[in-house]
mmCIF file of all heavy atoms, coordinates in Angstrom:
data_MODEL
# 
_entry.id   MODEL 
# 
loop_
_atom_site.group_PDB 
_atom_site.id 
_atom_site.type_symbol 
_atom_site.label_atom_id 
_atom_site.label_alt_id 
_atom_site.label_comp_id 
_atom_site.label_asym_id 
_atom_site.label_entity_id 
_atom_site.label_seq_id 
_atom_site.pdbx_PDB_ins_code 
_atom_site.Cartn_x 
_atom_site.Cartn_y 
_atom_site.Cartn_z 
_atom_site.occupancy 
_atom_site.B_iso_or_equiv 
_atom_site.pdbx_formal_charge 
_atom_site.auth_seq_id 
_atom_site.auth_comp_id 
_atom_site.auth_asym_id 
_atom_site.auth_atom_id 
_atom_site.pdbx_PDB_model_num 
ATOM 1   N N   . ILE A 1 1  ? 5.917  -10.562 8.476  1.00 0.00 ? 1  ILE A N   1 
ATOM 2   C CA  . ILE A 1 1  ? 7.037  -11.177 7.772  1.00 0.00 ? 1  ILE A CA  1 
ATOM 3   C C   . ILE A 1 1  ? 6.460  -11.912 6.571  1.00 0.00 ? 1  ILE A C   1 
ATOM 4   O O   . ILE A 1 1  ? 5.539  -12.723 6.712  1.00 0.00 ? 1  ILE A O   1 
ATOM 5   C CB  . ILE A 1 1  ? 7.802  -12.139 8.709  1.00 0.00 ? 1  ILE A CB  1 
ATOM 6   C CG1 . ILE A 1 1  ? 8.387  -11.336 9.882  1.00 0.00 ? 1  ILE A CG1 1 
ATOM 7   C CG2 . ILE A 1 1  ? 8.882  -12.897 7.947  1.00 0.00 ? 1  ILE A CG2 1 
ATOM 8   C CD1 . ILE A 1 1  ? 8.930  -12.191 10.995 1.00 0.00 ? 1  ILE A CD1 1 
ATOM 9   N N   . LEU A 1 2  ? 6.959  -11.625 5.401  1.00 0.00 ? 2  LEU A N   1 
ATOM 10  C CA  . LEU A 1 2  ? 6.401  -12.163 4.166  1.00 0.00 ? 2  LEU A CA  1 
ATOM 11  C C   . LEU A 1 2  ? 6.333  -13.685 4.186  1.00 0.00 ? 2  LEU A C   1 
ATOM 12  O O   . LEU A 1 2  ? 5.330  -14.276 3.793  1.00 0.00 ? 2  LEU A O   1 
ATOM 13  C CB  . LEU A 1 2  ? 7.199  -11.664 2.960  1.00 0.00 ? 2  LEU A CB  1 
ATOM 14  C CG  . LEU A 1 2  ? 6.677  -12.051 1.590  1.00 0.00 ? 2  LEU A CG  1 
ATOM 15  C CD1 . LEU A 1 2  ? 5.238  -11.581 1.392  1.00 0.00 ? 2  LEU A CD1 1 
ATOM 16  C CD2 . LEU A 1 2  ? 7.566  -11.475 0.514  1.00 0.00 ? 2  LEU A CD2 1 
ATOM 17  N N   . SER A 1 3  ? 7.377  -14.343 4.664  1.00 0.00 ? 3  SER A N   1 
ATOM 18  C CA  . SER A 1 3  ? 7.385  -15.813 4.661  1.00 0.00 ? 3  SER A CA  1 
ATOM 19  C C   . SER A 1 3  ? 6.317  -16.392 5.590  1.00 0.00 ? 3  SER A C   1 
ATOM 20  O O   . SER A 1 3  ? 5.885  -17.526 5.405  1.00 0.00 ? 3  SER A O   1 
ATOM 21  C CB  . SER A 1 3  ? 8.765  -16.345 5.052  1.00 0.00 ? 3  SER A CB  1 
ATOM 22  O OG  . SER A 1 3  ? 9.083  -15.965 6.374  1.00 0.00 ? 3  SER A OG  1 
ATOM 23  N N   . GLU A 1 4  ? 5.870  -15.615 6.565  1.00 0.00 ? 4  GLU A N   1 
ATOM 24  C CA  . GLU A 1 4  ? 4.823  -16.078 7.483  1.00 0.00 ? 4  GLU A CA  1 
ATOM 25  C C   . GLU A 1 4  ? 3.434  -15.652 7.030  1.00 0.00 ? 4  GLU A C   1 
ATOM 26  O O   . GLU A 1 4  ? 2.440  -16.090 7.603  1.00 0.00 ? 4  GLU A O   1 
ATOM 27  C CB  . GLU A 1 4  ? 5.094  -15.532 8.887  1.00 0.00 ? 4  GLU A CB  1 
ATOM 28  C CG  . GLU A 1 4  ? 6.363  -16.074 9.501  1.00 0.00 ? 4  GLU A CG  1 
ATOM 29  C CD  . GLU A 1 4  ? 6.707  -15.426 10.825 1.00 0.00 ? 4  GLU A CD  1 
ATOM 30  O OE1 . GLU A 1 4  ? 5.902  -14.612 11.336 1.00 0.00 ? 4  GLU A OE1 1 
ATOM 31  O OE2 . GLU A 1 4  ? 7.787  -15.730 11.357 1.00 0.00 ? 4  GLU A OE2 1 
ATOM 32  N N   . SER A 1 5  ? 3.343  -14.801 6.026  1.00 0.00 ? 5  SER A N   1 
ATOM 33  C CA  . SER A 1 5  ? 2.064  -14.300 5.500  1.00 0.00 ? 5  SER A CA  1 
ATOM 34  C C   . SER A 1 5  ? 2.084  -14.360 3.972  1.00 0.00 ? 5  SER A C   1 
ATOM 35  O O   . SER A 1 5  ? 2.047  -13.335 3.302  1.00 0.00 ? 5  SER A O   1 
ATOM 36  C CB  . SER A 1 5  ? 1.838  -12.864 5.965  1.00 0.00 ? 5  SER A CB  1 
ATOM 37  O OG  . SER A 1 5  ? 1.821  -12.763 7.351  1.00 0.00 ? 5  SER A OG  1 
ATOM 38  N N   . PRO A 1 6  ? 2.117  -15.555 3.403  1.00 0.00 ? 6  PRO A N   1 
ATOM 39  C CA  . PRO A 1 6  ? 2.280  -15.663 1.949  1.00 0.00 ? 6  PRO A CA  1 
ATOM 40  C C   . PRO A 1 6  ? 1.142  -15.040 1.138  1.00 0.00 ? 6  PRO A C   1 
ATOM 41  O O   . PRO A 1 6  ? 1.358  -14.669 -0.009 1.00 0.00 ? 6  PRO A O   1 
ATOM 42  C CB  . PRO A 1 6  ? 2.366  -17.178 1.708  1.00 0.00 ? 6  PRO A CB  1 
ATOM 43  C CG  . PRO A 1 6  ? 1.760  -17.802 2.913  1.00 0.00 ? 6  PRO A CG  1 
ATOM 44  C CD  . PRO A 1 6  ? 2.009  -16.856 4.046  1.00 0.00 ? 6  PRO A CD  1 
ATOM 45  N N   . ASN A 1 7  ? -0.038 -14.899 1.707  1.00 0.00 ? 7  ASN A N   1 
ATOM 46  C CA  . ASN A 1 7  ? -1.169 -14.313 0.983  1.00 0.00 ? 7  ASN A CA  1 
ATOM 47  C C   . ASN A 1 7  ? -1.184 -12.786 1.036  1.00 0.00 ? 7  ASN A C   1 
ATOM 48  O O   . ASN A 1 7  ? -2.025 -12.151 0.409  1.00 0.00 ? 7  ASN A O   1 
ATOM 49  C CB  . ASN A 1 7  ? -2.490 -14.858 1.534  1.00 0.00 ? 7  ASN A CB  1 
ATOM 50  C CG  . ASN A 1 7  ? -2.591 -16.352 1.373  1.00 0.00 ? 7  ASN A CG  1 
ATOM 51  O OD1 . ASN A 1 7  ? -2.058 -16.907 0.414  1.00 0.00 ? 7  ASN A OD1 1 
ATOM 52  N ND2 . ASN A 1 7  ? -3.244 -17.010 2.301  1.00 0.00 ? 7  ASN A ND2 1 
ATOM 53  N N   . MET A 1 8  ? -0.251 -12.214 1.775  1.00 0.00 ? 8  MET A N   1 
ATOM 54  C CA  . MET A 1 8  ? -0.214 -10.769 1.956  1.00 0.00 ? 8  MET A CA  1 
ATOM 55  C C   . MET A 1 8  ? 0.009  -10.029 0.637  1.00 0.00 ? 8  MET A C   1 
ATOM 56  O O   . MET A 1 8  ? -0.654 -9.020  0.375  1.00 0.00 ? 8  MET A O   1 
ATOM 57  C CB  . MET A 1 8  ? 0.880  -10.397 2.958  1.00 0.00 ? 8  MET A CB  1 
ATOM 58  C CG  . MET A 1 8  ? 1.027  -8.918  3.220  1.00 0.00 ? 8  MET A CG  1 
ATOM 59  S SD  . MET A 1 8  ? 2.193  -8.564  4.534  1.00 0.00 ? 8  MET A SD  1 
ATOM 60  C CE  . MET A 1 8  ? 3.666  -9.390  3.984  1.00 0.00 ? 8  MET A CE  1 
ATOM 61  N N   . VAL A 1 9  ? 0.893  -10.487 -0.194 1.00 0.00 ? 9  VAL A N   1 
ATOM 62  C CA  . VAL A 1 9  ? 1.190  -9.789  -1.447 1.00 0.00 ? 9  VAL A CA  1 
ATOM 63  C C   . VAL A 1 9  ? -0.061 -9.715  -2.313 1.00 0.00 ? 9  VAL A C   1 
ATOM 64  O O   . VAL A 1 9  ? -0.395 -8.655  -2.860 1.00 0.00 ? 9  VAL A O   1 
ATOM 65  C CB  . VAL A 1 9  ? 2.365  -10.436 -2.201 1.00 0.00 ? 9  VAL A CB  1 
ATOM 66  C CG1 . VAL A 1 9  ? 2.545  -9.802  -3.575 1.00 0.00 ? 9  VAL A CG1 1 
ATOM 67  C CG2 . VAL A 1 9  ? 3.648  -10.313 -1.398 1.00 0.00 ? 9  VAL A CG2 1 
ATOM 68  N N   . ALA A 1 10 ? -0.791 -10.816 -2.422 1.00 0.00 ? 10 ALA A N   1 
ATOM 69  C CA  . ALA A 1 10 ? -2.015 -10.817 -3.226 1.00 0.00 ? 10 ALA A CA  1 
ATOM 70  C C   . ALA A 1 10 ? -3.051 -9.853  -2.649 1.00 0.00 ? 10 ALA A C   1 
ATOM 71  O O   . ALA A 1 10 ? -3.715 -9.123  -3.400 1.00 0.00 ? 10 ALA A O   1 
ATOM 72  C CB  . ALA A 1 10 ? -2.597 -12.226 -3.311 1.00 0.00 ? 10 ALA A CB  1 
ATOM 73  N N   . ALA A 1 11 ? -3.185 -9.825  -1.329 1.00 0.00 ? 11 ALA A N   1 
ATOM 74  C CA  . ALA A 1 11 ? -4.136 -8.896  -0.699 1.00 0.00 ? 11 ALA A CA  1 
ATOM 75  C C   . ALA A 1 11 ? -3.745 -7.453  -1.003 1.00 0.00 ? 11 ALA A C   1 
ATOM 76  O O   . ALA A 1 11 ? -4.605 -6.629  -1.348 1.00 0.00 ? 11 ALA A O   1 
ATOM 77  C CB  . ALA A 1 11 ? -4.179 -9.135  0.813  1.00 0.00 ? 11 ALA A CB  1 
ATOM 78  N N   . PHE A 1 12 ? -2.457 -7.141  -0.903 1.00 0.00 ? 12 PHE A N   1 
ATOM 79  C CA  . PHE A 1 12 ? -1.997 -5.781  -1.178 1.00 0.00 ? 12 PHE A CA  1 
ATOM 80  C C   . PHE A 1 12 ? -2.132 -5.444  -2.660 1.00 0.00 ? 12 PHE A C   1 
ATOM 81  O O   . PHE A 1 12 ? -2.428 -4.306  -3.015 1.00 0.00 ? 12 PHE A O   1 
ATOM 82  C CB  . PHE A 1 12 ? -0.557 -5.586  -0.709 1.00 0.00 ? 12 PHE A CB  1 
ATOM 83  C CG  . PHE A 1 12 ? -0.383 -5.565  0.795  1.00 0.00 ? 12 PHE A CG  1 
ATOM 84  C CD1 . PHE A 1 12 ? 0.882  -5.481  1.354  1.00 0.00 ? 12 PHE A CD1 1 
ATOM 85  C CD2 . PHE A 1 12 ? -1.457 -5.636  1.666  1.00 0.00 ? 12 PHE A CD2 1 
ATOM 86  C CE1 . PHE A 1 12 ? 1.070  -5.451  2.728  1.00 0.00 ? 12 PHE A CE1 1 
ATOM 87  C CE2 . PHE A 1 12 ? -1.286 -5.614  3.043  1.00 0.00 ? 12 PHE A CE2 1 
ATOM 88  C CZ  . PHE A 1 12 ? -0.014 -5.524  3.572  1.00 0.00 ? 12 PHE A CZ  1 
ATOM 89  N N   . GLN A 1 13 ? -1.941 -6.437  -3.546 1.00 0.00 ? 13 GLN A N   1 
ATOM 90  C CA  . GLN A 1 13 ? -2.146 -6.195  -4.974 1.00 0.00 ? 13 GLN A CA  1 
ATOM 91  C C   . GLN A 1 13 ? -3.603 -5.816  -5.243 1.00 0.00 ? 13 GLN A C   1 
ATOM 92  O O   . GLN A 1 13 ? -3.868 -4.906  -6.023 1.00 0.00 ? 13 GLN A O   1 
ATOM 93  C CB  . GLN A 1 13 ? -1.784 -7.443  -5.790 1.00 0.00 ? 13 GLN A CB  1 
ATOM 94  C CG  . GLN A 1 13 ? -0.307 -7.645  -5.954 1.00 0.00 ? 13 GLN A CG  1 
ATOM 95  C CD  . GLN A 1 13 ? 0.004  -8.940  -6.681 1.00 0.00 ? 13 GLN A CD  1 
ATOM 96  O OE1 . GLN A 1 13 ? -0.581 -9.984  -6.421 1.00 0.00 ? 13 GLN A OE1 1 
ATOM 97  N NE2 . GLN A 1 13 ? 0.960  -8.859  -7.598 1.00 0.00 ? 13 GLN A NE2 1 
ATOM 98  N N   . HIS A 1 14 ? -4.528 -6.499  -4.600 1.00 0.00 ? 14 HIS A N   1 
ATOM 99  C CA  . HIS A 1 14 ? -5.946 -6.141  -4.741 1.00 0.00 ? 14 HIS A CA  1 
ATOM 100 C C   . HIS A 1 14 ? -6.192 -4.729  -4.222 1.00 0.00 ? 14 HIS A C   1 
ATOM 101 O O   . HIS A 1 14 ? -6.959 -3.967  -4.826 1.00 0.00 ? 14 HIS A O   1 
ATOM 102 C CB  . HIS A 1 14 ? -6.840 -7.134  -4.008 1.00 0.00 ? 14 HIS A CB  1 
ATOM 103 C CG  . HIS A 1 14 ? -6.910 -8.481  -4.641 1.00 0.00 ? 14 HIS A CG  1 
ATOM 104 N ND1 . HIS A 1 14 ? -7.403 -8.695  -5.912 1.00 0.00 ? 14 HIS A ND1 1 
ATOM 105 C CD2 . HIS A 1 14 ? -6.546 -9.701  -4.178 1.00 0.00 ? 14 HIS A CD2 1 
ATOM 106 C CE1 . HIS A 1 14 ? -7.333 -9.975  -6.198 1.00 0.00 ? 14 HIS A CE1 1 
ATOM 107 N NE2 . HIS A 1 14 ? -6.815 -10.618 -5.164 1.00 0.00 ? 14 HIS A NE2 1 
ATOM 108 N N   . ALA A 1 15 ? -5.558 -4.381  -3.109 1.00 0.00 ? 15 ALA A N   1 
ATOM 109 C CA  . ALA A 1 15 ? -5.757 -3.057  -2.509 1.00 0.00 ? 15 ALA A CA  1 
ATOM 110 C C   . ALA A 1 15 ? -5.295 -1.946  -3.446 1.00 0.00 ? 15 ALA A C   1 
ATOM 111 O O   . ALA A 1 15 ? -5.993 -0.948  -3.622 1.00 0.00 ? 15 ALA A O   1 
ATOM 112 C CB  . ALA A 1 15 ? -5.028 -2.962  -1.168 1.00 0.00 ? 15 ALA A CB  1 
ATOM 113 N N   . VAL A 1 16 ? -4.142 -2.101  -4.060 1.00 0.00 ? 16 VAL A N   1 
ATOM 114 C CA  . VAL A 1 16 ? -3.622 -1.045  -4.933 1.00 0.00 ? 16 VAL A CA  1 
ATOM 115 C C   . VAL A 1 16 ? -4.261 -1.079  -6.319 1.00 0.00 ? 16 VAL A C   1 
ATOM 116 O O   . VAL A 1 16 ? -4.208 -0.091  -7.049 1.00 0.00 ? 16 VAL A O   1 
ATOM 117 C CB  . VAL A 1 16 ? -2.075 -1.084  -5.072 1.00 0.00 ? 16 VAL A CB  1 
ATOM 118 C CG1 . VAL A 1 16 ? -1.402 -0.976  -3.720 1.00 0.00 ? 16 VAL A CG1 1 
ATOM 119 C CG2 . VAL A 1 16 ? -1.604 -2.309  -5.822 1.00 0.00 ? 16 VAL A CG2 1 
ATOM 120 N N   . GLY A 1 17 ? -4.891 -2.204  -6.671 1.00 0.00 ? 17 GLY A N   1 
ATOM 121 C CA  . GLY A 1 17 ? -5.427 -2.392  -8.014 1.00 0.00 ? 17 GLY A CA  1 
ATOM 122 C C   . GLY A 1 17 ? -6.403 -1.329  -8.469 1.00 0.00 ? 17 GLY A C   1 
ATOM 123 O O   . GLY A 1 17 ? -6.431 -0.968  -9.638 1.00 0.00 ? 17 GLY A O   1 
ATOM 124 N N   . GLY A 1 18 ? -7.209 -0.815  -7.566 1.00 0.00 ? 18 GLY A N   1 
ATOM 125 C CA  . GLY A 1 18 ? -8.175 0.219   -7.938 1.00 0.00 ? 18 GLY A CA  1 
ATOM 126 C C   . GLY A 1 18 ? -7.848 1.576   -7.365 1.00 0.00 ? 18 GLY A C   1 
ATOM 127 O O   . GLY A 1 18 ? -8.707 2.466   -7.343 1.00 0.00 ? 18 GLY A O   1 
ATOM 128 N N   . ALA A 1 19 ? -6.627 1.755   -6.897 1.00 0.00 ? 19 ALA A N   1 
ATOM 129 C CA  . ALA A 1 19 ? -6.261 2.984   -6.190 1.00 0.00 ? 19 ALA A CA  1 
ATOM 130 C C   . ALA A 1 19 ? -5.450 3.934   -7.056 1.00 0.00 ? 19 ALA A C   1 
ATOM 131 O O   . ALA A 1 19 ? -4.682 3.513   -7.918 1.00 0.00 ? 19 ALA A O   1 
ATOM 132 C CB  . ALA A 1 19 ? -5.461 2.642   -4.939 1.00 0.00 ? 19 ALA A CB  1 
ATOM 133 N N   . GLN A 1 20 ? -5.637 5.222   -6.803 1.00 0.00 ? 20 GLN A N   1 
ATOM 134 C CA  . GLN A 1 20 ? -4.746 6.252   -7.318 1.00 0.00 ? 20 GLN A CA  1 
ATOM 135 C C   . GLN A 1 20 ? -3.641 6.401   -6.278 1.00 0.00 ? 20 GLN A C   1 
ATOM 136 O O   . GLN A 1 20 ? -3.931 6.496   -5.081 1.00 0.00 ? 20 GLN A O   1 
ATOM 137 C CB  . GLN A 1 20 ? -5.487 7.563   -7.498 1.00 0.00 ? 20 GLN A CB  1 
ATOM 138 C CG  . GLN A 1 20 ? -6.593 7.503   -8.520 1.00 0.00 ? 20 GLN A CG  1 
ATOM 139 C CD  . GLN A 1 20 ? -7.398 8.783   -8.550 1.00 0.00 ? 20 GLN A CD  1 
ATOM 140 O OE1 . GLN A 1 20 ? -6.964 9.832   -8.084 1.00 0.00 ? 20 GLN A OE1 1 
ATOM 141 N NE2 . GLN A 1 20 ? -8.599 8.705   -9.103 1.00 0.00 ? 20 GLN A NE2 1 
ATOM 142 N N   . CYS A 1 21 ? -2.395 6.418   -6.719 1.00 0.00 ? 21 CYS A N   1 
ATOM 143 C CA  . CYS A 1 21 ? -1.270 6.336   -5.793 1.00 0.00 ? 21 CYS A CA  1 
ATOM 144 C C   . CYS A 1 21 ? -0.331 7.532   -5.962 1.00 0.00 ? 21 CYS A C   1 
ATOM 145 O O   . CYS A 1 21 ? -0.031 7.920   -7.094 1.00 0.00 ? 21 CYS A O   1 
ATOM 146 C CB  . CYS A 1 21 ? -0.513 5.031   -6.027 1.00 0.00 ? 21 CYS A CB  1 
ATOM 147 S SG  . CYS A 1 21 ? -1.588 3.571   -6.025 1.00 0.00 ? 21 CYS A SG  1 
ATOM 148 N N   . TYR A 1 22 ? 0.132  8.054   -4.823 1.00 0.00 ? 22 TYR A N   1 
ATOM 149 C CA  . TYR A 1 22 ? 0.972  9.252   -4.824 1.00 0.00 ? 22 TYR A CA  1 
ATOM 150 C C   . TYR A 1 22 ? 2.053  9.136   -3.749 1.00 0.00 ? 22 TYR A C   1 
ATOM 151 O O   . TYR A 1 22 ? 1.851  8.497   -2.716 1.00 0.00 ? 22 TYR A O   1 
ATOM 152 C CB  . TYR A 1 22 ? 0.144  10.504  -4.513 1.00 0.00 ? 22 TYR A CB  1 
ATOM 153 C CG  . TYR A 1 22 ? -1.012 10.727  -5.445 1.00 0.00 ? 22 TYR A CG  1 
ATOM 154 C CD1 . TYR A 1 22 ? -2.266 10.191  -5.174 1.00 0.00 ? 22 TYR A CD1 1 
ATOM 155 C CD2 . TYR A 1 22 ? -0.852 11.481  -6.615 1.00 0.00 ? 22 TYR A CD2 1 
ATOM 156 C CE1 . TYR A 1 22 ? -3.334 10.400  -6.031 1.00 0.00 ? 22 TYR A CE1 1 
ATOM 157 C CE2 . TYR A 1 22 ? -1.919 11.687  -7.475 1.00 0.00 ? 22 TYR A CE2 1 
ATOM 158 C CZ  . TYR A 1 22 ? -3.160 11.147  -7.180 1.00 0.00 ? 22 TYR A CZ  1 
ATOM 159 O OH  . TYR A 1 22 ? -4.207 11.350  -8.033 1.00 0.00 ? 22 TYR A OH  1 
ATOM 160 N N   . VAL A 1 23 ? 3.178  9.799   -3.998 1.00 0.00 ? 23 VAL A N   1 
ATOM 161 C CA  . VAL A 1 23 ? 4.220  9.977   -2.992 1.00 0.00 ? 23 VAL A CA  1 
ATOM 162 C C   . VAL A 1 23 ? 4.626  11.445  -3.012 1.00 0.00 ? 23 VAL A C   1 
ATOM 163 O O   . VAL A 1 23 ? 4.424  12.140  -4.010 1.00 0.00 ? 23 VAL A O   1 
ATOM 164 C CB  . VAL A 1 23 ? 5.467  9.090   -3.241 1.00 0.00 ? 23 VAL A CB  1 
ATOM 165 C CG1 . VAL A 1 23 ? 5.105  7.618   -3.170 1.00 0.00 ? 23 VAL A CG1 1 
ATOM 166 C CG2 . VAL A 1 23 ? 6.131  9.425   -4.547 1.00 0.00 ? 23 VAL A CG2 1 
ATOM 167 N N   . GLY A 1 24 ? 5.189  11.892  -1.881 1.00 0.00 ? 24 GLY A N   1 
ATOM 168 C CA  . GLY A 1 24 ? 5.655  13.270  -1.865 1.00 0.00 ? 24 GLY A CA  1 
ATOM 169 C C   . GLY A 1 24 ? 5.992  13.766  -0.489 1.00 0.00 ? 24 GLY A C   1 
ATOM 170 O O   . GLY A 1 24 ? 6.217  12.989  0.440  1.00 0.00 ? 24 GLY A O   1 
ATOM 171 N N   . ARG A 1 25 ? 6.012  15.102  -0.411 1.00 0.00 ? 25 ARG A N   1 
ATOM 172 C CA  . ARG A 1 25 ? 6.387  15.804  0.818  1.00 0.00 ? 25 ARG A CA  1 
ATOM 173 C C   . ARG A 1 25 ? 5.294  16.789  1.177  1.00 0.00 ? 25 ARG A C   1 
ATOM 174 O O   . ARG A 1 25 ? 4.625  17.322  0.307  1.00 0.00 ? 25 ARG A O   1 
ATOM 175 C CB  . ARG A 1 25 ? 7.690  16.548  0.593  1.00 0.00 ? 25 ARG A CB  1 
ATOM 176 C CG  . ARG A 1 25 ? 8.810  15.671  0.112  1.00 0.00 ? 25 ARG A CG  1 
ATOM 177 C CD  . ARG A 1 25 ? 9.932  16.503  -0.402 1.00 0.00 ? 25 ARG A CD  1 
ATOM 178 N NE  . ARG A 1 25 ? 11.051 16.382  0.511  1.00 0.00 ? 25 ARG A NE  1 
ATOM 179 C CZ  . ARG A 1 25 ? 12.173 17.047  0.411  1.00 0.00 ? 25 ARG A CZ  1 
ATOM 180 N NH1 . ARG A 1 25 ? 12.327 17.917  -0.558 1.00 0.00 ? 25 ARG A NH1 1 
ATOM 181 N NH2 . ARG A 1 25 ? 13.130 16.883  1.264  1.00 0.00 ? 25 ARG A NH2 1 
ATOM 182 N N   . ARG A 1 26 ? 5.205  17.038  2.466  1.00 0.00 ? 26 ARG A N   1 
ATOM 183 C CA  . ARG A 1 26 ? 4.193  17.972  2.950  1.00 0.00 ? 26 ARG A CA  1 
ATOM 184 C C   . ARG A 1 26 ? 4.695  18.691  4.193  1.00 0.00 ? 26 ARG A C   1 
ATOM 185 O O   . ARG A 1 26 ? 5.608  18.235  4.869  1.00 0.00 ? 26 ARG A O   1 
ATOM 186 C CB  . ARG A 1 26 ? 2.907  17.237  3.283  1.00 0.00 ? 26 ARG A CB  1 
ATOM 187 C CG  . ARG A 1 26 ? 3.060  16.353  4.521  1.00 0.00 ? 26 ARG A CG  1 
ATOM 188 C CD  . ARG A 1 26 ? 1.730  16.007  5.122  1.00 0.00 ? 26 ARG A CD  1 
ATOM 189 N NE  . ARG A 1 26 ? 1.850  15.257  6.350  1.00 0.00 ? 26 ARG A NE  1 
ATOM 190 C CZ  . ARG A 1 26 ? 1.775  15.774  7.569  1.00 0.00 ? 26 ARG A CZ  1 
ATOM 191 N NH1 . ARG A 1 26 ? 1.604  17.053  7.741  1.00 0.00 ? 26 ARG A NH1 1 
ATOM 192 N NH2 . ARG A 1 26 ? 1.861  14.998  8.628  1.00 0.00 ? 26 ARG A NH2 1 
ATOM 193 N N   . SER A 1 27 ? 4.028  19.814  4.482  1.00 0.00 ? 27 SER A N   1 
ATOM 194 C CA  . SER A 1 27 ? 4.311  20.514  5.734  1.00 0.00 ? 27 SER A CA  1 
ATOM 195 C C   . SER A 1 27 ? 3.153  20.243  6.689  1.00 0.00 ? 27 SER A C   1 
ATOM 196 O O   . SER A 1 27 ? 2.723  19.108  6.836  1.00 0.00 ? 27 SER A O   1 
ATOM 197 C CB  . SER A 1 27 ? 4.546  22.004  5.476  1.00 0.00 ? 27 SER A CB  1 
ATOM 198 O OG  . SER A 1 27 ? 3.372  22.587  4.920  1.00 0.00 ? 27 SER A OG  1 
ATOM 199 N N   . GLU A 1 28 ? 2.619  21.261  7.317  1.00 0.00 ? 28 GLU A N   1 
ATOM 200 C CA  . GLU A 1 28 ? 1.613  21.103  8.367  1.00 0.00 ? 28 GLU A CA  1 
ATOM 201 C C   . GLU A 1 28 ? 0.321  20.463  7.868  1.00 0.00 ? 28 GLU A C   1 
ATOM 202 O O   . GLU A 1 28 ? -0.065 20.611  6.713  1.00 0.00 ? 28 GLU A O   1 
ATOM 203 C CB  . GLU A 1 28 ? 1.343  22.453  9.023  1.00 0.00 ? 28 GLU A CB  1 
ATOM 204 C CG  . GLU A 1 28 ? 2.566  23.078  9.673  1.00 0.00 ? 28 GLU A CG  1 
ATOM 205 C CD  . GLU A 1 28 ? 3.264  22.175  10.701 1.00 0.00 ? 28 GLU A CD  1 
ATOM 206 O OE1 . GLU A 1 28 ? 2.588  21.416  11.415 1.00 0.00 ? 28 GLU A OE1 1 
ATOM 207 O OE2 . GLU A 1 28 ? 4.498  22.229  10.774 1.00 0.00 ? 28 GLU A OE2 1 
ATOM 208 N N   . ALA A 1 29 ? -0.367 19.780  8.784  1.00 0.00 ? 29 ALA A N   1 
ATOM 209 C CA  . ALA A 1 29 ? -1.539 18.970  8.440  1.00 0.00 ? 29 ALA A CA  1 
ATOM 210 C C   . ALA A 1 29 ? -2.679 19.787  7.846  1.00 0.00 ? 29 ALA A C   1 
ATOM 211 O O   . ALA A 1 29 ? -3.309 19.336  6.890  1.00 0.00 ? 29 ALA A O   1 
ATOM 212 C CB  . ALA A 1 29 ? -2.024 18.205  9.672  1.00 0.00 ? 29 ALA A CB  1 
ATOM 213 N N   . ASP A 1 30 ? -2.961 20.976  8.373  1.00 0.00 ? 30 ASP A N   1 
ATOM 214 C CA  . ASP A 1 30 ? -4.111 21.736  7.864  1.00 0.00 ? 30 ASP A CA  1 
ATOM 215 C C   . ASP A 1 30 ? -3.924 22.092  6.394  1.00 0.00 ? 30 ASP A C   1 
ATOM 216 O O   . ASP A 1 30 ? -4.821 21.912  5.578  1.00 0.00 ? 30 ASP A O   1 
ATOM 217 C CB  . ASP A 1 30 ? -4.403 22.965  8.714  1.00 0.00 ? 30 ASP A CB  1 
ATOM 218 C CG  . ASP A 1 30 ? -3.241 23.931  8.829  1.00 0.00 ? 30 ASP A CG  1 
ATOM 219 O OD1 . ASP A 1 30 ? -2.088 23.528  8.577  1.00 0.00 ? 30 ASP A OD1 1 
ATOM 220 O OD2 . ASP A 1 30 ? -3.490 25.098  9.177  1.00 0.00 ? 30 ASP A OD2 1 
# 
């Protein structure tokens, strides 16, 4: 819960800061 973890947003901002990010759809795992 965000109000109980106020530092979470900053931690997640650091995590995405150096990441390449994608969304989409997929079928089977292989």
